[in-house]
Amino acid sequence: MDLLEVFYTATNSLSGVYYPTSPLVIENIVNISQKLNYFKQHAGWIELIKIMEIKFLKYYREIPVMFSCAAALNPLFGVDNVENFIEEINNNIGENFDILKWWKGKVNTYPIMAYMARDLLTIQASTVASESAFSLSGRVLNERRSRLSEESLEICICYKDHLDAMKRKQHISAIEDSSSDMEDEMDAINLN
C-alpha cells in the first residue's frame, strides 16, 4: 500500500545503526507530510488522513532545532544557508557516502561547522540501536550466569554489543542471531 510505504521507509532509515540518523529526520517528516497531503485529495481517504494528520502534527508541529541543524549540516540536502560549505562535494556521491568522515576532513577548512557536525550528526534519531544493544532476549542470564553481580552483567552486555559492532551485527535481533548461529552449527555438523 502506497500510503504505508512512506512510514516503512522512514522506520527503516531512522532505525539505522551504522550511520547517523539525525540528518534524516526532516527528510522523512517532509516525505510523510507530502504523502498525507496527496491522499487527503482522495475521497475514500479523507477521514483517515484527518486522524493521521492530528497525530502527526502532535509530534511534528514543532521540530527540534537539533534536527534542523543536522539536516543543514548534511551536504546531501544542499540547504541554501550552507551551500558554500558543500560546493566542494562531488555531484556523484555514492551510496556509501559517510557524512561524518566528510566533515572530519573539513575540520581545518570549516572548524566550527565541523565540530557542530561532529556533535549533532552523531545523535541517533531513534532509540532502536540502544534498545537492541540491551535487549538480548534472555541470552545474558542463564542458570550458569544467574549469580553475576550487576557490574559483571553490565560488562557482559557491553562486551556483547562490542562484539556485534565488530561483526557489524548490531542490527540483528537476538532471535535472528541465535537462529543464524544454529544454522552455522548445523552446517558444521553436516560437513564433518
Protein backbone atom coordinates (compact mmCIF):
# COMPACT_ATOMS: atom_id res chain seq x y z
CA MET A 1 0.00 0.00 0.00
CA ASP A 2 1.46 3.31 -1.13
CA LEU A 3 0.47 5.25 2.00
CA LEU A 4 2.13 2.84 4.41
CA GLU A 5 5.30 2.59 2.33
CA VAL A 6 6.44 6.08 3.39
CA PHE A 7 6.16 5.05 7.06
CA TYR A 8 8.02 1.80 6.41
CA THR A 9 10.81 3.72 4.65
CA ALA A 10 11.04 6.25 7.50
CA THR A 11 11.15 3.49 10.12
CA ASN A 12 13.96 1.69 8.33
CA SER A 13 16.07 4.78 7.65
CA LEU A 14 15.70 6.17 11.19
CA SER A 15 16.44 2.82 12.85
CA GLY A 16 19.96 2.71 11.45
CA VAL A 17 22.90 1.53 13.48
CA TYR A 18 25.90 2.14 11.21
CA TYR A 19 25.18 5.71 10.09
CA PRO A 20 23.98 8.94 11.69
CA THR A 21 20.19 9.20 11.53
CA SER A 22 19.53 12.71 12.87
CA PRO A 23 20.08 14.35 9.44
CA LEU A 24 17.36 12.09 8.01
CA VAL A 25 14.55 13.18 10.34
CA ILE A 26 13.45 16.27 8.41
CA GLU A 27 13.62 14.48 5.07
CA ASN A 28 11.32 11.75 6.41
CA ILE A 29 8.93 14.26 8.02
CA VAL A 30 8.63 16.07 4.68
CA ASN A 31 8.05 12.80 2.81
CA ILE A 32 5.31 11.74 5.24
CA SER A 33 3.69 15.17 5.11
CA GLN A 34 3.67 15.14 1.30
CA LYS A 35 2.14 11.66 1.25
CA LEU A 36 -0.60 12.68 3.71
CA ASN A 37 -1.39 15.76 1.59
CA TYR A 38 -1.55 13.60 -1.54
CA PHE A 39 -4.00 11.12 0.00
CA LYS A 40 -6.06 13.94 1.55
CA GLN A 41 -7.21 14.73 -2.01
CA HIS A 42 -8.80 11.28 -2.45
CA ALA A 43 -12.41 10.91 -1.28
CA GLY A 44 -12.01 7.48 0.30
CA TRP A 45 -9.11 8.59 2.47
CA ILE A 46 -10.23 11.98 3.82
CA GLU A 47 -11.44 10.85 7.29
CA LEU A 48 -8.49 8.52 7.89
CA ILE A 49 -5.97 11.16 6.80
CA LYS A 50 -7.55 13.74 9.14
CA ILE A 51 -6.98 11.39 12.09
CA MET A 52 -3.43 10.62 10.95
CA GLU A 53 -2.66 14.34 10.49
CA ILE A 54 -3.78 15.15 14.03
CA LYS A 55 -1.44 12.50 15.44
CA PHE A 56 1.37 13.52 13.06
CA LEU A 57 1.11 17.22 14.00
CA LYS A 58 1.01 16.33 17.69
CA TYR A 59 4.61 15.15 17.39
CA TYR A 60 5.97 17.17 14.47
CA ARG A 61 4.27 20.59 14.55
CA GLU A 62 7.48 21.89 16.14
CA ILE A 63 10.65 20.18 15.01
CA PRO A 64 13.55 20.30 17.49
CA VAL A 65 16.32 22.65 16.35
CA MET A 66 18.83 19.80 16.63
CA PHE A 67 17.20 18.01 13.67
CA SER A 68 17.19 21.21 11.61
CA CYS A 69 20.89 21.77 12.32
CA ALA A 70 21.69 18.16 11.48
CA ALA A 71 19.84 18.45 8.16
CA ALA A 72 21.62 21.73 7.40
CA LEU A 73 24.99 20.09 8.03
CA ASN A 74 24.19 17.21 5.71
CA PRO A 75 25.69 18.16 2.35
CA LEU A 76 23.39 15.71 0.58
CA PHE A 77 20.43 18.05 1.19
CA GLY A 78 22.09 21.19 -0.21
CA VAL A 79 20.46 23.65 2.20
CA ASP A 80 20.88 27.22 0.93
CA ASN A 81 22.44 28.55 4.16
CA VAL A 82 25.38 26.16 3.95
CA GLU A 83 25.80 25.83 0.17
CA ASN A 84 29.24 27.42 0.31
CA PHE A 85 30.32 24.53 2.57
CA ILE A 86 29.14 21.84 0.20
CA GLU A 87 30.27 23.18 -3.19
CA GLU A 88 33.39 21.04 -2.88
CA ILE A 89 31.45 17.80 -2.76
CA ASN A 90 31.43 15.78 -5.93
CA ASN A 91 27.97 15.63 -7.54
CA ASN A 92 28.23 11.87 -7.86
CA ILE A 93 28.24 10.94 -4.20
CA GLY A 94 27.88 7.20 -3.89
CA GLU A 95 25.55 5.19 -1.71
CA ASN A 96 28.29 4.68 0.87
CA PHE A 97 28.91 8.39 1.44
CA ASP A 98 29.92 8.92 5.07
CA ILE A 99 28.88 12.38 6.22
CA LEU A 100 30.96 12.18 9.43
CA LYS A 101 34.16 11.38 7.53
CA TRP A 102 33.42 14.22 5.11
CA TRP A 103 33.09 16.76 7.94
CA LYS A 104 36.14 15.32 9.72
CA GLY A 105 38.12 16.04 6.56
CA LYS A 106 36.88 19.66 6.64
CA VAL A 107 37.93 20.37 10.23
CA ASN A 108 40.80 22.63 9.11
CA THR A 109 38.73 24.42 6.47
CA TYR A 110 35.50 24.88 8.45
CA PRO A 111 36.42 24.16 12.08
CA ILE A 112 33.26 25.47 13.75
CA MET A 113 30.91 23.76 11.30
CA ALA A 114 32.94 20.54 11.52
CA TYR A 115 32.70 20.48 15.31
CA MET A 116 28.98 21.23 15.14
CA ALA A 117 28.60 18.39 12.65
CA ARG A 118 30.50 16.04 14.95
CA ASP A 119 28.27 16.93 17.90
CA LEU A 120 24.95 16.95 16.06
CA LEU A 121 25.26 14.24 13.44
CA THR A 122 26.24 11.52 15.89
CA ILE A 123 22.93 11.80 17.73
CA GLN A 124 20.70 8.90 16.73
CA ALA A 125 17.14 9.83 15.84
CA SER A 126 15.79 6.60 17.27
CA THR A 127 16.41 4.55 20.37
CA VAL A 128 16.22 1.33 18.35
CA ALA A 129 20.01 0.93 18.27
CA SER A 130 20.43 1.35 22.03
CA GLU A 131 17.37 -0.80 22.75
CA SER A 132 18.74 -3.63 20.65
CA ALA A 133 22.09 -3.43 22.47
CA PHE A 134 20.37 -4.03 25.79
CA SER A 135 17.61 -6.36 24.60
CA LEU A 136 19.34 -9.68 24.45
CA SER A 137 16.12 -11.67 24.98
CA GLY A 138 17.32 -13.97 27.69
CA ARG A 139 20.77 -14.52 26.25
CA VAL A 140 22.62 -12.79 29.09
CA LEU A 141 21.23 -14.62 32.09
CA ASN A 142 21.01 -18.35 32.28
CA GLU A 143 21.46 -20.74 35.17
CA ARG A 144 25.25 -20.51 34.99
CA ARG A 145 25.23 -16.72 34.97
CA SER A 146 22.39 -16.03 37.38
CA ARG A 147 24.76 -15.09 40.19
CA LEU A 148 26.57 -12.33 38.32
CA SER A 149 26.90 -9.02 40.06
CA GLU A 150 25.25 -6.01 38.48
CA GLU A 151 28.66 -4.74 37.34
CA SER A 152 29.59 -8.09 35.76
CA LEU A 153 26.25 -8.25 33.97
CA GLU A 154 26.78 -4.75 32.58
CA ILE A 155 30.25 -5.78 31.38
CA CYS A 156 28.74 -8.82 29.61
CA ILE A 157 26.11 -6.68 27.86
CA CYS A 158 28.68 -4.10 26.75
CA TYR A 159 31.09 -6.80 25.60
CA LYS A 160 28.32 -8.49 23.56
CA ASP A 161 27.45 -5.16 21.93
CA HIS A 162 31.15 -4.56 21.19
CA LEU A 163 31.45 -8.00 19.54
CA ASP A 164 28.31 -7.35 17.49
CA ALA A 165 29.73 -3.99 16.41
CA MET A 166 32.98 -5.61 15.29
CA LYS A 167 30.98 -8.12 13.23
CA ARG A 168 28.56 -5.34 12.15
CA LYS A 169 25.71 -7.40 13.55
CA GLN A 170 24.19 -4.83 15.94
CA HIS A 171 21.11 -4.54 13.75
CA ILE A 172 20.32 -8.26 14.03
CA SER A 173 17.93 -9.25 16.80
CA ALA A 174 18.94 -11.86 19.34
CA ILE A 175 16.44 -14.31 17.86
CA GLU A 176 17.81 -13.88 14.32
CA ASP A 177 21.36 -14.13 15.67
CA SER A 178 20.67 -17.37 17.55
CA SER A 179 18.99 -18.94 14.51
CA SER A 180 21.99 -17.91 12.41
CA ASP A 181 24.33 -19.46 14.99
CA MET A 182 22.25 -22.64 14.95
CA GLU A 183 22.42 -22.77 11.13
CA ASP A 184 26.21 -22.40 11.31
CA GLU A 185 26.39 -25.23 13.84
CA MET A 186 24.20 -27.45 11.65
CA ASP A 187 26.39 -26.71 8.63
CA ALA A 188 29.48 -27.62 10.66
CA ILE A 189 27.89 -30.92 11.71
CA ASN A 190 26.92 -31.76 8.12
CA LEU A 191 30.41 -31.00 6.86
CA ASN A 192 32.04 -33.49 9.23
